[in-house]
């Protein structure tokens, strides 16, 4: 995947995680907070993923 698309996708995932945290804590819905945790883990895993190049 190209670098710019990866950065945009990671930004969107992080934004959605923060949004889920805000909604979940404001309404007391822990399912939404759990979704935020899953999205944040996806962000961190995507951030530190190694690029594999096939030669």
N, C-alpha and C. Protein backbone atom coordinates (compact mmCIF):
# COMPACT_ATOMS: atom_id res chain seq x y z
N UNK A 1 0.85 -1.16 0.00
CA UNK A 1 0.00 0.00 0.00
C UNK A 1 0.90 1.24 0.00
N UNK A 2 0.50 2.24 -0.73
CA UNK A 2 1.30 3.45 -0.78
C UNK A 2 1.30 4.15 0.57
N UNK A 3 2.37 4.86 0.82
CA UNK A 3 2.56 5.49 2.13
C UNK A 3 1.47 6.49 2.47
N UNK A 4 1.07 7.33 1.51
CA UNK A 4 0.06 8.36 1.81
C UNK A 4 -1.29 7.74 2.16
N UNK A 5 -1.66 6.66 1.47
CA UNK A 5 -2.92 5.99 1.79
C UNK A 5 -2.86 5.34 3.16
N UNK A 6 -1.71 4.80 3.50
CA UNK A 6 -1.54 4.18 4.81
C UNK A 6 -1.66 5.22 5.92
N UNK A 7 -1.05 6.38 5.73
CA UNK A 7 -1.12 7.45 6.73
C UNK A 7 -2.55 7.95 6.89
N UNK A 8 -3.25 8.13 5.77
CA UNK A 8 -4.64 8.58 5.83
C UNK A 8 -5.50 7.55 6.54
N UNK A 9 -5.33 6.28 6.20
CA UNK A 9 -6.11 5.23 6.84
C UNK A 9 -5.84 5.15 8.34
N UNK A 10 -4.59 5.28 8.74
CA UNK A 10 -4.26 5.27 10.17
C UNK A 10 -4.86 6.47 10.89
N UNK A 11 -4.87 7.62 10.22
CA UNK A 11 -5.49 8.81 10.81
C UNK A 11 -6.98 8.63 11.02
N UNK A 12 -7.64 8.02 10.04
CA UNK A 12 -9.08 7.78 10.14
C UNK A 12 -9.37 6.79 11.27
N UNK A 13 -8.57 5.74 11.37
CA UNK A 13 -8.76 4.74 12.42
C UNK A 13 -8.57 5.37 13.80
N UNK A 14 -7.55 6.21 13.95
CA UNK A 14 -7.32 6.88 15.23
C UNK A 14 -8.46 7.84 15.56
N UNK A 15 -8.94 8.58 14.57
CA UNK A 15 -10.07 9.49 14.79
C UNK A 15 -11.31 8.72 15.24
N UNK A 16 -11.59 7.59 14.59
CA UNK A 16 -12.76 6.78 14.97
C UNK A 16 -12.60 6.21 16.38
N UNK A 17 -11.37 5.85 16.76
CA UNK A 17 -11.14 5.33 18.10
C UNK A 17 -11.44 6.41 19.15
N UNK A 18 -10.96 7.61 18.93
CA UNK A 18 -11.22 8.71 19.86
C UNK A 18 -12.70 9.03 19.91
N UNK A 19 -13.36 9.01 18.77
CA UNK A 19 -14.80 9.26 18.72
C UNK A 19 -15.57 8.20 19.50
N UNK A 20 -15.17 6.95 19.36
CA UNK A 20 -15.83 5.88 20.12
C UNK A 20 -15.61 6.05 21.61
N UNK A 21 -14.41 6.46 22.02
CA UNK A 21 -14.16 6.72 23.43
C UNK A 21 -15.07 7.83 23.96
N UNK A 22 -15.18 8.90 23.22
CA UNK A 22 -16.02 10.03 23.65
C UNK A 22 -17.48 9.62 23.77
N UNK A 23 -17.99 8.94 22.78
CA UNK A 23 -19.40 8.52 22.80
C UNK A 23 -19.62 7.50 23.92
N UNK A 24 -18.70 6.55 24.05
CA UNK A 24 -18.87 5.49 25.05
C UNK A 24 -18.82 6.01 26.47
N UNK A 25 -17.89 6.90 26.77
CA UNK A 25 -17.80 7.43 28.13
C UNK A 25 -18.92 8.40 28.43
N UNK A 26 -19.40 9.13 27.44
CA UNK A 26 -20.49 10.09 27.66
C UNK A 26 -21.81 9.37 27.93
N UNK A 27 -22.04 8.25 27.24
CA UNK A 27 -23.31 7.55 27.41
C UNK A 27 -23.22 6.37 28.36
N UNK A 28 -22.01 5.97 28.73
CA UNK A 28 -21.84 4.84 29.63
C UNK A 28 -21.97 3.50 28.92
N UNK A 29 -21.84 3.50 27.61
CA UNK A 29 -21.93 2.27 26.83
C UNK A 29 -20.54 1.68 26.65
N UNK A 30 -20.29 0.62 27.37
CA UNK A 30 -18.94 0.05 27.36
C UNK A 30 -18.65 -0.73 26.08
N UNK A 31 -19.68 -1.08 25.33
CA UNK A 31 -19.47 -1.74 24.04
C UNK A 31 -18.78 -0.79 23.08
N UNK A 32 -19.19 0.47 23.10
CA UNK A 32 -18.58 1.47 22.22
C UNK A 32 -17.14 1.75 22.67
N UNK A 33 -16.90 1.74 23.96
CA UNK A 33 -15.54 1.91 24.47
C UNK A 33 -14.68 0.72 24.02
N UNK A 34 -15.24 -0.47 24.06
CA UNK A 34 -14.52 -1.66 23.58
C UNK A 34 -14.18 -1.56 22.11
N UNK A 35 -15.09 -1.02 21.31
CA UNK A 35 -14.82 -0.80 19.90
C UNK A 35 -13.68 0.20 19.73
N UNK A 36 -13.65 1.22 20.58
CA UNK A 36 -12.57 2.19 20.56
C UNK A 36 -11.23 1.54 20.86
N UNK A 37 -11.22 0.61 21.80
CA UNK A 37 -9.99 -0.10 22.14
C UNK A 37 -9.52 -0.94 20.95
N UNK A 38 -10.45 -1.61 20.30
CA UNK A 38 -10.10 -2.42 19.13
C UNK A 38 -9.52 -1.54 18.03
N UNK A 39 -10.13 -0.40 17.78
CA UNK A 39 -9.64 0.52 16.76
C UNK A 39 -8.26 1.08 17.12
N UNK A 40 -8.05 1.36 18.41
CA UNK A 40 -6.75 1.87 18.82
C UNK A 40 -5.66 0.81 18.66
N UNK A 41 -5.97 -0.42 18.99
CA UNK A 41 -5.01 -1.51 18.78
C UNK A 41 -4.70 -1.66 17.30
N UNK A 42 -5.71 -1.54 16.45
CA UNK A 42 -5.49 -1.60 15.00
C UNK A 42 -4.58 -0.47 14.55
N UNK A 43 -4.75 0.72 15.14
CA UNK A 43 -3.88 1.85 14.81
C UNK A 43 -2.44 1.54 15.16
N UNK A 44 -2.20 1.07 16.38
CA UNK A 44 -0.82 0.84 16.82
C UNK A 44 -0.19 -0.30 16.05
N UNK A 45 -0.94 -1.33 15.74
CA UNK A 45 -0.39 -2.42 14.95
C UNK A 45 -0.07 -1.96 13.52
N UNK A 46 -0.92 -1.13 12.97
CA UNK A 46 -0.67 -0.60 11.63
C UNK A 46 0.47 0.38 11.59
N UNK A 47 0.69 1.09 12.67
CA UNK A 47 1.76 2.07 12.73
C UNK A 47 3.13 1.40 12.74
N UNK A 48 3.24 0.29 13.45
CA UNK A 48 4.52 -0.37 13.58
C UNK A 48 4.67 -1.59 12.68
N UNK A 49 3.79 -1.74 11.71
CA UNK A 49 3.88 -2.87 10.79
C UNK A 49 5.08 -2.70 9.87
N UNK A 50 5.81 -3.77 9.69
CA UNK A 50 6.98 -3.73 8.82
C UNK A 50 6.53 -3.85 7.37
N UNK A 51 7.19 -3.09 6.51
CA UNK A 51 6.92 -3.19 5.09
C UNK A 51 7.69 -4.38 4.53
N UNK A 52 6.99 -5.22 3.84
CA UNK A 52 7.63 -6.36 3.19
C UNK A 52 7.63 -6.12 1.70
N UNK A 53 8.79 -6.15 1.12
CA UNK A 53 8.91 -5.94 -0.31
C UNK A 53 9.26 -7.26 -0.98
N UNK A 54 8.50 -7.57 -2.01
CA UNK A 54 8.78 -8.77 -2.78
C UNK A 54 9.64 -8.37 -3.95
N UNK A 55 10.78 -9.07 -4.09
CA UNK A 55 11.73 -8.73 -5.16
C UNK A 55 11.52 -9.63 -6.33
